[in-house]
Amino acid sequence: MSKIKIVFFLILGFIFYKGYVAFTDFEIGVSDRVAKLEEASDFERQGEVIALMMYLGDPPKLNEHLLIKNKSKCLEMKQIAEETSFAYYKCAIVDANLKGGKITSINEELDVLQ
C-alpha cells in the first residue's frame, strides 16, 4: 500500500510541475507575441535602446543609426565597421523613437558604451 502512495505522490508532483512549466511558458510566449505585434505594426514608441551610430564629416555629423539587441553585438559590429570604413562609429544607449523595430530618430544620447 505504501508503494502505491509513493507512486501517487510522484505522479501528483509531476502534474504540478508540468502545470507550472506550462503557465510560465505561456506568460513568456505572450510577452514575445506582444513585442512582435508592436514591431509589425505602425505604432511609434519612445524608449531607451542600444544603437550603433555612424558619424561622417568634419566636424562629425550623425549620418546613420542602427538598433542593436545587446552591448556585445554592438561592440563587435563597431569593430568590424571601423576596420572596413573611414567613418567614426559609436555604440551608445540612446533615447529614441522606434517604429517597426527600427530607430526613426534619436532624441538624446544617454551613455556611450566602451
N, C-alpha and C. Protein backbone atom coordinates (compact mmCIF):
# COMPACT_ATOMS: atom_id res chain seq x y z
N MET A 1 0.82 -1.19 0.00
CA MET A 1 0.00 0.00 0.00
C MET A 1 0.87 1.26 0.00
N SER A 2 2.01 1.22 0.68
CA SER A 2 2.86 2.40 0.75
C SER A 2 3.51 2.70 -0.61
N LYS A 3 3.77 1.66 -1.39
CA LYS A 3 4.33 1.87 -2.73
C LYS A 3 3.34 2.60 -3.62
N ILE A 4 2.08 2.31 -3.47
CA ILE A 4 1.04 2.97 -4.25
C ILE A 4 0.96 4.44 -3.88
N LYS A 5 1.10 4.76 -2.58
CA LYS A 5 1.08 6.15 -2.13
C LYS A 5 2.27 6.92 -2.70
N ILE A 6 3.44 6.31 -2.70
CA ILE A 6 4.65 6.97 -3.23
C ILE A 6 4.48 7.26 -4.72
N VAL A 7 3.98 6.27 -5.46
CA VAL A 7 3.75 6.47 -6.90
C VAL A 7 2.71 7.56 -7.12
N PHE A 8 1.66 7.56 -6.31
CA PHE A 8 0.62 8.59 -6.41
C PHE A 8 1.21 9.98 -6.17
N PHE A 9 2.04 10.15 -5.14
CA PHE A 9 2.64 11.45 -4.85
C PHE A 9 3.63 11.87 -5.95
N LEU A 10 4.34 10.92 -6.50
CA LEU A 10 5.25 11.23 -7.61
C LEU A 10 4.47 11.72 -8.83
N ILE A 11 3.38 11.05 -9.14
CA ILE A 11 2.54 11.45 -10.27
C ILE A 11 1.92 12.81 -10.01
N LEU A 12 1.45 13.04 -8.80
CA LEU A 12 0.87 14.32 -8.43
C LEU A 12 1.91 15.44 -8.52
N GLY A 13 3.12 15.19 -8.05
CA GLY A 13 4.21 16.17 -8.15
C GLY A 13 4.55 16.47 -9.61
N PHE A 14 4.57 15.45 -10.45
CA PHE A 14 4.85 15.63 -11.87
C PHE A 14 3.77 16.48 -12.53
N ILE A 15 2.52 16.27 -12.17
CA ILE A 15 1.41 17.05 -12.74
C ILE A 15 1.54 18.51 -12.33
N PHE A 16 1.87 18.78 -11.06
CA PHE A 16 2.07 20.17 -10.62
C PHE A 16 3.24 20.82 -11.35
N TYR A 17 4.32 20.07 -11.53
CA TYR A 17 5.49 20.58 -12.24
C TYR A 17 5.13 20.94 -13.69
N LYS A 18 4.45 20.06 -14.38
CA LYS A 18 4.06 20.32 -15.76
C LYS A 18 3.11 21.51 -15.86
N GLY A 19 2.21 21.66 -14.89
CA GLY A 19 1.31 22.81 -14.87
C GLY A 19 2.08 24.11 -14.68
N TYR A 20 3.06 24.11 -13.78
CA TYR A 20 3.88 25.30 -13.54
C TYR A 20 4.67 25.67 -14.79
N VAL A 21 5.29 24.69 -15.44
CA VAL A 21 6.07 24.96 -16.65
C VAL A 21 5.18 25.50 -17.75
N ALA A 22 4.01 24.92 -17.93
CA ALA A 22 3.09 25.39 -18.97
C ALA A 22 2.64 26.82 -18.68
N PHE A 23 2.39 27.16 -17.44
CA PHE A 23 1.96 28.51 -17.06
C PHE A 23 3.05 29.53 -17.32
N THR A 24 4.29 29.23 -16.92
CA THR A 24 5.39 30.19 -17.12
C THR A 24 5.72 30.33 -18.59
N ASP A 25 5.69 29.25 -19.36
CA ASP A 25 5.95 29.35 -20.80
C ASP A 25 4.87 30.16 -21.49
N PHE A 26 3.64 30.05 -21.04
CA PHE A 26 2.54 30.82 -21.62
C PHE A 26 2.77 32.31 -21.39
N GLU A 27 3.18 32.70 -20.18
CA GLU A 27 3.43 34.11 -19.89
C GLU A 27 4.57 34.66 -20.73
N ILE A 28 5.64 33.90 -20.88
CA ILE A 28 6.77 34.33 -21.70
C ILE A 28 6.34 34.43 -23.16
N GLY A 29 5.57 33.48 -23.62
CA GLY A 29 5.11 33.49 -25.01
C GLY A 29 4.22 34.68 -25.31
N VAL A 30 3.39 35.08 -24.37
CA VAL A 30 2.51 36.23 -24.57
C VAL A 30 3.32 37.50 -24.72
N SER A 31 4.32 37.71 -23.87
CA SER A 31 5.13 38.93 -23.98
C SER A 31 5.92 38.96 -25.28
N ASP A 32 6.40 37.80 -25.74
CA ASP A 32 7.10 37.75 -27.02
C ASP A 32 6.17 38.10 -28.17
N ARG A 33 4.94 37.61 -28.12
CA ARG A 33 3.99 37.91 -29.19
C ARG A 33 3.61 39.38 -29.20
N VAL A 34 3.48 40.00 -28.03
CA VAL A 34 3.16 41.43 -27.95
C VAL A 34 4.29 42.23 -28.59
N ALA A 35 5.54 41.87 -28.30
CA ALA A 35 6.69 42.58 -28.88
C ALA A 35 6.71 42.42 -30.40
N LYS A 36 6.40 41.24 -30.90
CA LYS A 36 6.37 41.02 -32.35
C LYS A 36 5.25 41.83 -33.01
N LEU A 37 4.10 41.91 -32.36
CA LEU A 37 2.99 42.69 -32.92
C LEU A 37 3.33 44.18 -32.95
N GLU A 38 4.01 44.68 -31.92
CA GLU A 38 4.41 46.08 -31.90
C GLU A 38 5.38 46.38 -33.03
N GLU A 39 6.31 45.45 -33.29
CA GLU A 39 7.27 45.64 -34.37
C GLU A 39 6.58 45.62 -35.73
N ALA A 40 5.60 44.76 -35.89
CA ALA A 40 4.94 44.63 -37.18
C ALA A 40 3.98 45.79 -37.47
N SER A 41 3.47 46.41 -36.44
CA SER A 41 2.50 47.50 -36.64
C SER A 41 3.21 48.81 -36.92
N ASP A 42 2.45 49.81 -37.27
CA ASP A 42 3.00 51.15 -37.50
C ASP A 42 2.95 51.99 -36.23
N PHE A 43 2.96 51.34 -35.09
CA PHE A 43 2.90 52.01 -33.80
C PHE A 43 4.28 52.58 -33.48
N GLU A 44 4.34 53.88 -33.21
CA GLU A 44 5.61 54.52 -32.86
C GLU A 44 5.68 54.70 -31.35
N ARG A 45 6.83 54.35 -30.78
CA ARG A 45 7.01 54.49 -29.34
C ARG A 45 8.38 55.08 -29.06
N GLN A 46 8.58 55.51 -27.83
CA GLN A 46 9.84 56.11 -27.42
C GLN A 46 10.44 55.24 -26.33
N GLY A 47 11.76 55.03 -26.40
CA GLY A 47 12.39 54.21 -25.38
C GLY A 47 13.90 54.28 -25.42
N GLU A 48 14.52 53.69 -24.40
CA GLU A 48 15.97 53.63 -24.33
C GLU A 48 16.44 52.33 -24.98
N VAL A 49 17.33 52.45 -25.97
CA VAL A 49 17.84 51.30 -26.70
C VAL A 49 19.33 51.47 -26.93
N ILE A 50 19.97 50.39 -27.37
CA ILE A 50 21.38 50.43 -27.75
C ILE A 50 21.43 50.66 -29.26
N ALA A 51 22.26 51.63 -29.67
CA ALA A 51 22.35 51.96 -31.08
C ALA A 51 23.81 52.04 -31.52
N LEU A 52 24.06 51.59 -32.74
CA LEU A 52 25.35 51.78 -33.39
C LEU A 52 25.17 52.98 -34.31
N MET A 53 25.97 54.02 -34.07
CA MET A 53 25.81 55.27 -34.82
C MET A 53 27.05 55.54 -35.65
N MET A 54 26.83 56.03 -36.88
CA MET A 54 27.93 56.33 -37.79
C MET A 54 27.98 57.84 -38.00
N TYR A 55 29.16 58.40 -37.79
CA TYR A 55 29.38 59.84 -37.97
C TYR A 55 30.30 60.06 -39.16
N LEU A 56 29.98 61.06 -39.99
CA LEU A 56 30.79 61.43 -41.14
C LEU A 56 31.06 62.92 -41.12
N GLY A 57 32.15 63.35 -41.76
CA GLY A 57 32.43 64.76 -41.95
C GLY A 57 33.36 65.33 -40.90
N ASP A 58 33.66 66.63 -41.12
CA ASP A 58 34.50 67.36 -40.17
C ASP A 58 33.86 68.70 -39.93
N PRO A 59 33.18 68.98 -38.89
CA PRO A 59 33.01 68.20 -37.66
C PRO A 59 32.07 67.01 -37.88
N PRO A 60 32.25 65.96 -37.07
CA PRO A 60 31.42 64.75 -37.26
C PRO A 60 29.93 65.04 -37.12
N LYS A 61 29.17 64.52 -38.07
CA LYS A 61 27.72 64.68 -38.08
C LYS A 61 27.09 63.29 -38.17
N LEU A 62 26.07 63.05 -37.35
CA LEU A 62 25.40 61.75 -37.35
C LEU A 62 24.78 61.50 -38.72
N ASN A 63 25.19 60.41 -39.34
CA ASN A 63 24.71 60.08 -40.68
C ASN A 63 23.72 58.93 -40.67
N GLU A 64 24.04 57.87 -39.91
CA GLU A 64 23.16 56.69 -39.84
C GLU A 64 23.15 56.14 -38.42
N HIS A 65 22.10 55.38 -38.11
CA HIS A 65 21.99 54.71 -36.81
C HIS A 65 21.28 53.39 -37.00
N LEU A 66 21.63 52.42 -36.14
CA LEU A 66 21.10 51.07 -36.25
C LEU A 66 20.76 50.54 -34.87
N LEU A 67 19.58 50.00 -34.71
CA LEU A 67 19.14 49.40 -33.45
C LEU A 67 19.84 48.05 -33.27
N ILE A 68 20.46 47.86 -32.09
CA ILE A 68 21.19 46.63 -31.79
C ILE A 68 20.58 46.01 -30.53
N LYS A 69 20.54 44.68 -30.47
CA LYS A 69 19.90 43.97 -29.36
C LYS A 69 20.69 44.06 -28.05
N ASN A 70 22.03 43.92 -28.11
CA ASN A 70 22.80 43.93 -26.86
C ASN A 70 24.16 44.60 -27.04
N LYS A 71 24.82 44.86 -25.93
CA LYS A 71 26.08 45.61 -25.91
C LYS A 71 27.18 44.86 -26.65
N SER A 72 27.34 43.58 -26.41
CA SER A 72 28.43 42.82 -27.03
C SER A 72 28.30 42.79 -28.56
N LYS A 73 27.08 42.63 -29.05
CA LYS A 73 26.85 42.62 -30.50
C LYS A 73 27.19 43.99 -31.09
N CYS A 74 26.83 45.06 -30.39
CA CYS A 74 27.11 46.41 -30.87
C CYS A 74 28.61 46.65 -30.96
N LEU A 75 29.34 46.28 -29.92
CA LEU A 75 30.78 46.49 -29.93
C LEU A 75 31.47 45.65 -31.00
N GLU A 76 30.97 44.45 -31.24
CA GLU A 76 31.52 43.59 -32.29
C GLU A 76 31.28 44.21 -33.67
N MET A 77 30.06 44.71 -33.90
CA MET A 77 29.74 45.33 -35.18
C MET A 77 30.53 46.63 -35.38
N LYS A 78 30.75 47.37 -34.30
CA LYS A 78 31.52 48.61 -34.36
C LYS A 78 32.95 48.32 -34.80
N GLN A 79 33.56 47.27 -34.24
CA GLN A 79 34.93 46.92 -34.59
C GLN A 79 35.04 46.53 -36.06
N ILE A 80 34.11 45.74 -36.54
CA ILE A 80 34.11 45.33 -37.94
C ILE A 80 33.93 46.54 -38.85
N ALA A 81 33.02 47.44 -38.50
CA ALA A 81 32.75 48.62 -39.31
C ALA A 81 33.97 49.54 -39.37
N GLU A 82 34.65 49.72 -38.25
CA GLU A 82 35.82 50.60 -38.22
C GLU A 82 36.98 50.03 -39.03
N GLU A 83 37.06 48.71 -39.11
CA GLU A 83 38.13 48.07 -39.90
C GLU A 83 37.88 48.21 -41.40
N THR A 84 36.63 48.33 -41.80
CA THR A 84 36.30 48.36 -43.23
C THR A 84 35.87 49.72 -43.73
N SER A 85 35.88 50.76 -42.87
CA SER A 85 35.38 52.07 -43.27
C SER A 85 36.22 53.17 -42.63
N PHE A 86 36.13 54.36 -43.19
CA PHE A 86 36.84 55.51 -42.65
C PHE A 86 35.93 56.39 -41.79
N ALA A 87 34.72 55.99 -41.56
CA ALA A 87 33.79 56.76 -40.73
C ALA A 87 34.08 56.52 -39.26
N TYR A 88 33.53 57.39 -38.41
CA TYR A 88 33.65 57.25 -36.96
C TYR A 88 32.39 56.59 -36.45
N TYR A 89 32.54 55.51 -35.66
CA TYR A 89 31.40 54.76 -35.14
C TYR A 89 31.38 54.84 -33.62
N LYS A 90 30.16 54.78 -33.07
CA LYS A 90 30.00 54.84 -31.62
C LYS A 90 28.80 53.98 -31.22
N CYS A 91 28.99 53.17 -30.17
CA CYS A 91 27.89 52.42 -29.56
C CYS A 91 27.42 53.21 -28.35
N ALA A 92 26.13 53.41 -28.25
CA ALA A 92 25.61 54.21 -27.14
C ALA A 92 24.20 53.77 -26.78
N ILE A 93 23.85 54.05 -25.54
CA ILE A 93 22.47 53.90 -25.09
C ILE A 93 21.81 55.24 -25.39
N VAL A 94 20.74 55.21 -26.16
CA VAL A 94 20.09 56.44 -26.61
C VAL A 94 18.61 56.41 -26.28
N ASP A 95 18.04 57.59 -26.16
CA ASP A 95 16.59 57.75 -26.05
C ASP A 95 16.12 58.01 -27.48
N ALA A 96 15.34 57.09 -28.04
CA ALA A 96 15.00 57.18 -29.45
C ALA A 96 13.52 56.89 -29.69
N ASN A 97 13.05 57.33 -30.85
CA ASN A 97 11.72 56.99 -31.33
C ASN A 97 11.86 55.73 -32.17
N LEU A 98 11.04 54.72 -31.88
CA LEU A 98 11.11 53.43 -32.55
C LEU A 98 9.82 53.15 -33.30
N LYS A 99 9.97 52.58 -34.48
CA LYS A 99 8.80 52.21 -35.27
C LYS A 99 9.13 50.96 -36.06
N GLY A 100 8.39 49.89 -35.82
CA GLY A 100 8.61 48.66 -36.56
C GLY A 100 9.96 48.03 -36.32
N GLY A 101 10.52 48.15 -35.12
CA GLY A 101 11.80 47.56 -34.82
C GLY A 101 12.98 48.34 -35.35
N LYS A 102 12.77 49.59 -35.76
CA LYS A 102 13.83 50.43 -36.29
C LYS A 102 13.81 51.78 -35.58
N ILE A 103 14.96 52.42 -35.54
CA ILE A 103 15.05 53.76 -34.96
C ILE A 103 14.67 54.77 -36.01
N THR A 104 13.67 55.60 -35.73
CA THR A 104 13.28 56.66 -36.67
C THR A 104 14.02 57.95 -36.38
N SER A 105 14.27 58.25 -35.10
CA SER A 105 15.05 59.43 -34.74
C SER A 105 15.61 59.26 -33.34
N ILE A 106 16.76 59.90 -33.12
CA ILE A 106 17.41 59.86 -31.82
C ILE A 106 17.16 61.16 -31.11
N ASN A 107 16.57 61.09 -29.92
CA ASN A 107 16.27 62.29 -29.15
C ASN A 107 17.45 62.74 -28.31
N GLU A 108 18.13 61.79 -27.66
CA GLU A 108 19.22 62.13 -26.75
C GLU A 108 20.15 60.94 -26.60
N GLU A 109 21.44 61.21 -26.54
CA GLU A 109 22.44 60.19 -26.28
C GLU A 109 22.66 60.15 -24.77
N LEU A 110 22.39 58.99 -24.15
CA LEU A 110 22.44 58.88 -22.70
C LEU A 110 23.79 58.40 -22.18
N ASP A 111 24.36 57.37 -22.80
CA ASP A 111 25.61 56.81 -22.31
C ASP A 111 26.35 56.13 -23.45
N VAL A 112 27.67 56.37 -23.53
CA VAL A 112 28.50 55.75 -24.56
C VAL A 112 29.03 54.44 -24.01
N LEU A 113 28.96 53.37 -24.80
CA LEU A 113 29.43 52.04 -24.39
C LEU A 113 30.87 51.84 -24.85
N GLN A 114 31.69 51.28 -23.99
CA GLN A 114 33.10 51.03 -24.32
C GLN A 114 33.37 49.55 -24.35
